[in-house]
Amino acid sequence: MLILKPNCECCDRDLAPDSPDARICTYECTFCASCVENVFAGTCPNCGGNFVPRPIRPAEKLVKNPPSITRKVRAAPCGDRAA
């Protein structure tokens, strides 16, 4: 089951479980669509893979399988954000 991470690992933007802007790679690295397109040009900076839109878990399933509350932000500089 996917771990629905709560934020973009680059800009730290909140990404709700039903966000159409969430993107993931095969390792579930999670970024917003803007960072994927404008900072990483579609290639995951962690694994080198591509990104796809993160599936949306139906709201009724979130009760039994809630999204993660653990935030992760890359240590390396990311776009305009300093390390």
PDB file of N, CA and C in Angstrom:
ATOM      1  N   MET A   1       0.832  -1.167   0.000  1.00  0.00           N
ATOM      2  CA  MET A   1       0.000   0.000   0.000  1.00  0.00           C
ATOM      3  C   MET A   1       0.886   1.243   0.000  1.00  0.00           C
ATOM      4  N   LEU A   2       0.499   2.230  -0.782  1.00  0.00           N
ATOM      5  CA  LEU A   2       1.263   3.476  -0.854  1.00  0.00           C
ATOM      6  C   LEU A   2       1.258   4.223   0.467  1.00  0.00           C
ATOM      7  N   ILE A   3       2.395   4.819   0.782  1.00  0.00           N
ATOM      8  CA  ILE A   3       2.484   5.728   1.916  1.00  0.00           C
ATOM      9  C   ILE A   3       2.166   7.108   1.362  1.00  0.00           C
ATOM     10  N   LEU A   4       1.055   7.663   1.748  1.00  0.00           N
ATOM     11  CA  LEU A   4       0.664   8.971   1.240  1.00  0.00           C
ATOM     12  C   LEU A   4       1.380  10.048   2.049  1.00  0.00           C
ATOM     13  N   LYS A   5       2.528  10.483   1.541  1.00  0.00           N
ATOM     14  CA  LYS A   5       3.331  11.482   2.243  1.00  0.00           C
ATOM     15  C   LYS A   5       2.619  12.834   2.197  1.00  0.00           C
ATOM     16  N   PRO A   6       2.735  13.622   3.271  1.00  0.00           N
ATOM     17  CA  PRO A   6       1.941  14.846   3.393  1.00  0.00           C
ATOM     18  C   PRO A   6       2.497  16.095   2.720  1.00  0.00           C
ATOM     19  N   ASN A   7       3.693  15.994   2.112  1.00  0.00           N
ATOM     20  CA  ASN A   7       4.308  17.214   1.581  1.00  0.00           C
ATOM     21  C   ASN A   7       5.242  16.915   0.419  1.00  0.00           C
ATOM     22  N   CYS A   8       5.567  17.989  -0.302  1.00  0.00           N
ATOM     23  CA  CYS A   8       6.568  17.915  -1.367  1.00  0.00           C
ATOM     24  C   CYS A   8       7.939  17.860  -0.708  1.00  0.00           C
ATOM     25  N   GLU A   9       8.765  16.922  -1.129  1.00  0.00           N
ATOM     26  CA  GLU A   9      10.100  16.765  -0.549  1.00  0.00           C
ATOM     27  C   GLU A   9      11.050  17.871  -0.987  1.00  0.00           C
ATOM     28  N   CYS A  10      10.625  18.725  -1.906  1.00  0.00           N
ATOM     29  CA  CYS A  10      11.471  19.832  -2.357  1.00  0.00           C
ATOM     30  C   CYS A  10      11.049  21.142  -1.701  1.00  0.00           C
ATOM     31  N   CYS A  11       9.839  21.604  -1.977  1.00  0.00           N
ATOM     32  CA  CYS A  11       9.397  22.915  -1.492  1.00  0.00           C
ATOM     33  C   CYS A  11       8.600  22.850  -0.190  1.00  0.00           C
ATOM     34  N   ASP A  12       8.328  21.664   0.300  1.00  0.00           N
ATOM     35  CA  ASP A  12       7.582  21.428   1.547  1.00  0.00           C
ATOM     36  C   ASP A  12       6.121  21.844   1.448  1.00  0.00           C
ATOM     37  N   ARG A  13       5.606  21.989   0.244  1.00  0.00           N
ATOM     38  CA  ARG A  13       4.185  22.310   0.038  1.00  0.00           C
ATOM     39  C   ARG A  13       3.326  21.169   0.553  1.00  0.00           C
ATOM     40  N   ASP A  14       2.229  21.485   1.216  1.00  0.00           N
ATOM     41  CA  ASP A  14       1.297  20.463   1.679  1.00  0.00           C
ATOM     42  C   ASP A  14       0.671  19.762   0.484  1.00  0.00           C
ATOM     43  N   LEU A  15       0.590  18.429   0.575  1.00  0.00           N
ATOM     44  CA  LEU A  15      -0.060  17.629  -0.457  1.00  0.00           C
ATOM     45  C   LEU A  15      -1.088  16.727   0.226  1.00  0.00           C
ATOM     46  N   ALA A  16      -2.331  17.152   0.197  1.00  0.00           N
ATOM     47  CA  ALA A  16      -3.416  16.383   0.814  1.00  0.00           C
ATOM     48  C   ALA A  16      -3.534  15.014   0.127  1.00  0.00           C
ATOM     49  N   PRO A  17      -4.122  14.041   0.802  1.00  0.00           N
ATOM     50  CA  PRO A  17      -4.263  12.706   0.203  1.00  0.00           C
ATOM     51  C   PRO A  17      -4.993  12.717  -1.143  1.00  0.00           C
ATOM     52  N   ASP A  18      -5.847  13.714  -1.361  1.00  0.00           N
ATOM     53  CA  ASP A  18      -6.586  13.786  -2.616  1.00  0.00           C
ATOM     54  C   ASP A  18      -6.038  14.850  -3.575  1.00  0.00           C
ATOM     55  N   SER A  19      -4.800  15.285  -3.339  1.00  0.00           N
ATOM     56  CA  SER A  19      -4.211  16.325  -4.176  1.00  0.00           C
ATOM     57  C   SER A  19      -3.918  15.819  -5.588  1.00  0.00           C
ATOM     58  N   PRO A  20      -4.453  16.497  -6.607  1.00  0.00           N
ATOM     59  CA  PRO A  20      -4.135  16.115  -7.981  1.00  0.00           C
ATOM     60  C   PRO A  20      -2.734  16.569  -8.382  1.00  0.00           C
ATOM     61  N   ASP A  21      -2.059  17.359  -7.534  1.00  0.00           N
ATOM     62  CA  ASP A  21      -0.717  17.862  -7.835  1.00  0.00           C
ATOM     63  C   ASP A  21       0.405  16.985  -7.284  1.00  0.00           C
ATOM     64  N   ALA A  22       0.084  15.926  -6.549  1.00  0.00           N
ATOM     65  CA  ALA A  22       1.116  15.049  -5.985  1.00  0.00           C
ATOM     66  C   ALA A  22       1.670  14.129  -7.069  1.00  0.00           C
ATOM     67  N   ARG A  23       2.989  13.996  -7.093  1.00  0.00           N
ATOM     68  CA  ARG A  23       3.673  13.109  -8.042  1.00  0.00           C
ATOM     69  C   ARG A  23       4.570  12.170  -7.252  1.00  0.00           C
ATOM     70  N   ILE A  24       4.673  10.911  -7.711  1.00  0.00           N
ATOM     71  CA  ILE A  24       5.537   9.928  -7.060  1.00  0.00           C
ATOM     72  C   ILE A  24       6.363   9.186  -8.106  1.00  0.00           C
ATOM     73  N   CYS A  25       7.498   8.648  -7.637  1.00  0.00           N
ATOM     74  CA  CYS A  25       8.319   7.775  -8.481  1.00  0.00           C
ATOM     75  C   CYS A  25       8.095   6.345  -7.987  1.00  0.00           C
ATOM     76  N   THR A  26       8.829   5.410  -8.524  1.00  0.00           N
ATOM     77  CA  THR A  26       8.653   4.010  -8.157  1.00  0.00           C
ATOM     78  C   THR A  26       9.012   3.725  -6.698  1.00  0.00           C
ATOM     79  N   TYR A  27       9.827   4.592  -6.083  1.00  0.00           N
ATOM     80  CA  TYR A  27      10.181   4.433  -4.667  1.00  0.00           C
ATOM     81  C   TYR A  27       9.306   5.291  -3.757  1.00  0.00           C
ATOM     82  N   GLU A  28       8.264   5.877  -4.309  1.00  0.00           N
ATOM     83  CA  GLU A  28       7.330   6.730  -3.580  1.00  0.00           C
ATOM     84  C   GLU A  28       7.938   8.043  -3.102  1.00  0.00           C
ATOM     85  N   CYS A  29       9.032   8.481  -3.743  1.00  0.00           N
ATOM     86  CA  CYS A  29       9.512   9.834  -3.488  1.00  0.00           C
ATOM     87  C   CYS A  29       8.348  10.724  -3.908  1.00  0.00           C
ATOM     88  N   THR A  30       8.053  11.737  -3.118  1.00  0.00           N
ATOM     89  CA  THR A  30       6.848  12.533  -3.350  1.00  0.00           C
ATOM     90  C   THR A  30       7.196  14.007  -3.541  1.00  0.00           C
ATOM     91  N   PHE A  31       6.725  14.560  -4.643  1.00  0.00           N
ATOM     92  CA  PHE A  31       6.962  15.958  -4.978  1.00  0.00           C
ATOM     93  C   PHE A  31       5.695  16.549  -5.570  1.00  0.00           C
ATOM     94  N   CYS A  32       5.600  17.872  -5.563  1.00  0.00           N
ATOM     95  CA  CYS A  32       4.464  18.527  -6.205  1.00  0.00           C
ATOM     96  C   CYS A  32       4.731  18.621  -7.708  1.00  0.00           C
ATOM     97  N   ALA A  33       3.677  18.788  -8.480  1.00  0.00           N
ATOM     98  CA  ALA A  33       3.809  18.849  -9.934  1.00  0.00           C
ATOM     99  C   ALA A  33       4.723  19.984 -10.368  1.00  0.00           C
ATOM    100  N   SER A  34       4.665  21.112  -9.673  1.00  0.00           N
ATOM    101  CA  SER A  34       5.504  22.252 -10.039  1.00  0.00           C
ATOM    102  C   SER A  34       6.988  21.927  -9.900  1.00  0.00           C
ATOM    103  N   CYS A  35       7.397  21.325  -8.787  1.00  0.00           N
ATOM    104  CA  CYS A  35       8.811  20.962  -8.601  1.00  0.00           C
ATOM    105  C   CYS A  35       9.238  19.889  -9.596  1.00  0.00           C
ATOM    106  N   VAL A  36       8.365  18.920  -9.852  1.00  0.00           N
ATOM    107  CA  VAL A  36       8.686  17.857 -10.813  1.00  0.00           C
ATOM    108  C   VAL A  36       8.981  18.466 -12.182  1.00  0.00           C
ATOM    109  N   GLU A  37       8.140  19.399 -12.604  1.00  0.00           N
ATOM    110  CA  GLU A  37       8.296  19.993 -13.934  1.00  0.00           C
ATOM    111  C   GLU A  37       9.376  21.060 -13.991  1.00  0.00           C
ATOM    112  N   ASN A  38       9.400  21.959 -13.013  1.00  0.00           N
ATOM    113  CA  ASN A  38      10.273  23.135 -13.097  1.00  0.00           C
ATOM    114  C   ASN A  38      11.640  22.982 -12.449  1.00  0.00           C
ATOM    115  N   VAL A  39      11.773  22.087 -11.488  1.00  0.00           N
ATOM    116  CA  VAL A  39      13.057  21.904 -10.802  1.00  0.00           C
ATOM    117  C   VAL A  39      13.761  20.644 -11.304  1.00  0.00           C
ATOM    118  N   PHE A  40      13.016  19.563 -11.462  1.00  0.00           N
ATOM    119  CA  PHE A  40      13.630  18.268 -11.788  1.00  0.00           C
ATOM    120  C   PHE A  40      13.423  17.799 -13.218  1.00  0.00           C
ATOM    121  N   ALA A  41      12.699  18.549 -14.025  1.00  0.00           N
ATOM    122  CA  ALA A  41      12.452  18.195 -15.430  1.00  0.00           C
ATOM    123  C   ALA A  41      11.954  16.764 -15.586  1.00  0.00           C
ATOM    124  N   GLY A  42      11.102  16.319 -14.641  1.00  0.00           N
ATOM    125  CA  GLY A  42      10.473  15.009 -14.755  1.00  0.00           C
ATOM    126  C   GLY A  42      11.291  13.825 -14.289  1.00  0.00           C
ATOM    127  N   THR A  43      12.494  14.050 -13.761  1.00  0.00           N
ATOM    128  CA  THR A  43      13.357  12.947 -13.309  1.00  0.00           C
ATOM    129  C   THR A  43      13.572  13.046 -11.803  1.00  0.00           C
ATOM    130  N   CYS A  44      13.328  11.949 -11.103  1.00  0.00           N
ATOM    131  CA  CYS A  44      13.475  11.946  -9.650  1.00  0.00           C
ATOM    132  C   CYS A  44      14.931  12.184  -9.260  1.00  0.00           C
ATOM    133  N   PRO A  45      15.189  13.175  -8.387  1.00  0.00           N
ATOM    134  CA  PRO A  45      16.560  13.460  -7.978  1.00  0.00           C
ATOM    135  C   PRO A  45      17.134  12.403  -7.035  1.00  0.00           C
ATOM    136  N   ASN A  46      16.279  11.569  -6.471  1.00  0.00           N
ATOM    137  CA  ASN A  46      16.739  10.543  -5.541  1.00  0.00           C
ATOM    138  C   ASN A  46      17.106   9.234  -6.229  1.00  0.00           C
ATOM    139  N   CYS A  47      16.286   8.817  -7.207  1.00  0.00           N
ATOM    140  CA  CYS A  47      16.519   7.502  -7.823  1.00  0.00           C
ATOM    141  C   CYS A  47      16.741   7.558  -9.332  1.00  0.00           C
ATOM    142  N   GLY A  48      16.465   8.702  -9.958  1.00  0.00           N
ATOM    143  CA  GLY A  48      16.655   8.826 -11.401  1.00  0.00           C
ATOM    144  C   GLY A  48      15.479   8.334 -12.221  1.00  0.00           C
ATOM    145  N   GLY A  49      14.418   7.881 -11.559  1.00  0.00           N
ATOM    146  CA  GLY A  49      13.234   7.396 -12.265  1.00  0.00           C
ATOM    147  C   GLY A  49      12.304   8.520 -12.694  1.00  0.00           C
ATOM    148  N   ASN A  50      11.226   8.126 -13.343  1.00  0.00           N
ATOM    149  CA  ASN A  50      10.229   9.109 -13.771  1.00  0.00           C
ATOM    150  C   ASN A  50       9.145   9.272 -12.708  1.00  0.00           C
ATOM    151  N   PHE A  51       8.263  10.226 -12.918  1.00  0.00           N
ATOM    152  CA  PHE A  51       7.162  10.494 -11.998  1.00  0.00           C
ATOM    153  C   PHE A  51       5.827  10.208 -12.658  1.00  0.00           C
ATOM    154  N   VAL A  52       4.855   9.852 -11.842  1.00  0.00           N
ATOM    155  CA  VAL A  52       3.470   9.691 -12.274  1.00  0.00           C
ATOM    156  C   VAL A  52       2.585  10.370 -11.234  1.00  0.00           C
ATOM    157  N   PRO A  53       1.355  10.749 -11.618  1.00  0.00           N
ATOM    158  CA  PRO A  53       0.444  11.299 -10.618  1.00  0.00           C
ATOM    159  C   PRO A  53       0.202  10.264  -9.513  1.00  0.00           C
ATOM    160  N   ARG A  54       0.198  10.721  -8.268  1.00  0.00           N
ATOM    161  CA  ARG A  54      -0.057   9.811  -7.152  1.00  0.00           C
ATOM    162  C   ARG A  54      -1.537   9.440  -7.156  1.00  0.00           C
ATOM    163  N   PRO A  55      -1.840   8.150  -7.055  1.00  0.00           N
ATOM    164  CA  PRO A  55      -3.249   7.747  -7.000  1.00  0.00           C
ATOM    165  C   PRO A  55      -3.944   8.362  -5.787  1.00  0.00           C
ATOM    166  N   ILE A  56      -5.226   8.615  -5.930  1.00  0.00           N
ATOM    167  CA  ILE A  56      -6.014   9.176  -4.840  1.00  0.00           C
ATOM    168  C   ILE A  56      -6.739   8.044  -4.130  1.00  0.00           C
ATOM    169  N   ARG A  57      -6.484   7.919  -2.843  1.00  0.00           N
ATOM    170  CA  ARG A  57      -7.150   6.904  -2.032  1.00  0.00           C
ATOM    171  C   ARG A  57      -8.548   7.423  -1.685  1.00  0.00           C
ATOM    172  N   PRO A  58      -9.576   6.624  -1.912  1.00  0.00           N
ATOM    173  CA  PRO A  58     -10.939   7.066  -1.580  1.00  0.00           C
ATOM    174  C   PRO A  58     -11.051   7.483  -0.113  1.00  0.00           C
ATOM    175  N   ALA A  59     -11.810   8.534   0.143  1.00  0.00           N
ATOM    176  CA  ALA A  59     -11.938   9.094   1.488  1.00  0.00           C
ATOM    177  C   ALA A  59     -12.349   8.052   2.519  1.00  0.00           C
ATOM    178  N   GLU A  60     -13.242   7.160   2.171  1.00  0.00           N
ATOM    179  CA  GLU A  60     -13.686   6.156   3.142  1.00  0.00           C
ATOM    180  C   GLU A  60     -12.581   5.169   3.511  1.00  0.00           C
ATOM    181  N   LYS A  61     -11.584   5.012   2.662  1.00  0.00           N
ATOM    182  CA  LYS A  61     -10.451   4.123   2.939  1.00  0.00           C
ATOM    183  C   LYS A  61      -9.403   4.794   3.818  1.00  0.00           C
ATOM    184  N   LEU A  62      -9.425   6.126   3.871  1.00  0.00           N
ATOM    185  CA  LEU A  62      -8.458   6.857   4.696  1.00  0.00           C
ATOM    186  C   LEU A  62      -8.679   6.627   6.191  1.00  0.00           C
ATOM    187  N   VAL A  63      -9.884   6.236   6.569  1.00  0.00           N
ATOM    188  CA  VAL A  63     -10.170   5.972   7.982  1.00  0.00           C
ATOM    189  C   VAL A  63      -9.347   4.784   8.467  1.00  0.00           C
ATOM    190  N   LYS A  64      -9.355   3.709   7.699  1.00  0.00           N
ATOM    191  CA  LYS A  64      -8.607   2.500   8.081  1.00  0.00           C
ATOM    192  C   LYS A  64      -7.126   2.612   7.719  1.00  0.00           C
ATOM    193  N   ASN A  65      -6.829   3.297   6.638  1.00  0.00           N
ATOM    194  CA  ASN A  65      -5.453   3.440   6.153  1.00  0.00           C
ATOM    195  C   ASN A  65      -5.146   4.916   5.930  1.00  0.00           C
ATOM    196  N   PRO A  66      -4.861   5.633   7.024  1.00  0.00           N
ATOM    197  CA  PRO A  66      -4.641   7.085   6.930  1.00  0.00           C
ATOM    198  C   PRO A  66      -3.312   7.435   6.251  1.00  0.00           C
ATOM    199  N   PRO A  67      -3.222   8.668   5.764  1.00  0.00           N
ATOM    200  CA  PRO A  67      -1.958   9.122   5.171  1.00  0.00           C
ATOM    201  C   PRO A  67      -0.905   9.299   6.251  1.00  0.00           C
ATOM    202  N   SER A  68       0.334   9.327   5.830  1.00  0.00           N
ATOM    203  CA  SER A  68       1.446   9.557   6.752  1.00  0.00           C
ATOM    204  C   SER A  68       1.399  10.999   7.262  1.00  0.00           C
ATOM    205  N   ILE A  69       1.897  11.208   8.469  1.00  0.00           N
ATOM    206  CA  ILE A  69       2.028  12.569   9.003  1.00  0.00           C
ATOM    207  C   ILE A  69       3.500  12.973   9.097  1.00  0.00           C
ATOM    208  N   THR A  70       4.394  12.064   8.680  1.00  0.00           N
ATOM    209  CA  THR A  70       5.832  12.315   8.731  1.00  0.00           C
ATOM    210  C   THR A  70       6.268  13.109   7.504  1.00  0.00           C
ATOM    211  N   ARG A  71       6.760  14.301   7.741  1.00  0.00           N
ATOM    212  CA  ARG A  71       7.217  15.158   6.652  1.00  0.00           C
ATOM    213  C   ARG A  71       8.679  14.859   6.335  1.00  0.00           C
ATOM    214  N   LYS A  72       9.018  14.912   5.047  1.00  0.00           N
ATOM    215  CA  LYS A  72      10.392  14.694   4.602  1.00  0.00           C
ATOM    216  C   LYS A  72      10.728  15.806   3.616  1.00  0.00           C
ATOM    217  N   VAL A  73      11.884  16.430   3.810  1.00  0.00           N
ATOM    218  CA  VAL A  73      12.346  17.482   2.899  1.00  0.00           C
ATOM    219  C   VAL A  73      13.799  17.184   2.569  1.00  0.00           C
ATOM    220  N   ARG A  74      14.135  17.246   1.285  1.00  0.00           N
ATOM    221  CA  ARG A  74      15.505  16.986   0.847  1.00  0.00           C
ATOM    222  C   ARG A  74      16.493  17.908   1.552  1.00  0.00           C
ATOM    223  N   ALA A  75      17.634  17.362   1.941  1.00  0.00           N
ATOM    224  CA  ALA A  75      18.686  18.148   2.587  1.00  0.00           C
ATOM    225  C   ALA A  75      19.401  19.047   1.561  1.00  0.00           C
ATOM    226  N   ALA A  76      19.529  18.560   0.351  1.00  0.00           N
ATOM    227  CA  ALA A  76      20.218  19.322  -0.694  1.00  0.00           C
ATOM    228  C   ALA A  76      19.373  20.511  -1.122  1.00  0.00           C
ATOM    229  N   PRO A  77      19.989  21.567  -1.616  1.00  0.00           N
ATOM    230  CA  PRO A  77      19.196  22.693  -2.117  1.00  0.00           C
ATOM    231  C   PRO A  77      18.206  22.206  -3.169  1.00  0.00           C
ATOM    232  N   CYS A  78      17.062  22.822  -3.167  1.00  0.00           N
ATOM    233  CA  CYS A  78      15.981  22.377  -4.041  1.00  0.00           C
ATOM    234  C   CYS A  78      15.312  23.597  -4.640  1.00  0.00           C
ATOM    235  N   GLY A  79      15.553  23.867  -5.890  1.00  0.00           N
ATOM    236  CA  GLY A  79      14.976  25.043  -6.526  1.00  0.00           C
ATOM    237  C   GLY A  79      15.497  26.301  -5.855  1.00  0.00           C
ATOM    238  N   ASP A  80      14.590  27.194  -5.463  1.00  0.00           N
ATOM    239  CA  ASP A  80      14.960  28.446  -4.809  1.00  0.00           C
ATOM    240  C   ASP A  80      15.126  28.294  -3.300  1.00  0.00           C
ATOM    241  N   ARG A  81      14.815  27.096  -2.767  1.00  0.00           N
ATOM    242  CA  ARG A  81      14.915  26.871  -1.328  1.00  0.00           C
ATOM    243  C   ARG A  81      16.348  26.545  -0.951  1.00  0.00           C
ATOM    244  N   ALA A  82      16.874  27.194   0.067  1.00  0.00           N
ATOM    245  CA  ALA A  82      18.236  26.902   0.543  1.00  0.00           C
ATOM    246  C   ALA A  82      18.229  25.607   1.322  1.00  0.00           C
ATOM    247  N   ALA A  83      19.381  24.997   1.438  1.00  0.00           N
ATOM    248  CA  ALA A  83      19.489  23.712   2.141  1.00  0.00           C
ATOM    249  C   ALA A  83      19.163  23.869   3.598  1.00  0.00           C
TER     250      ALA A  83
END
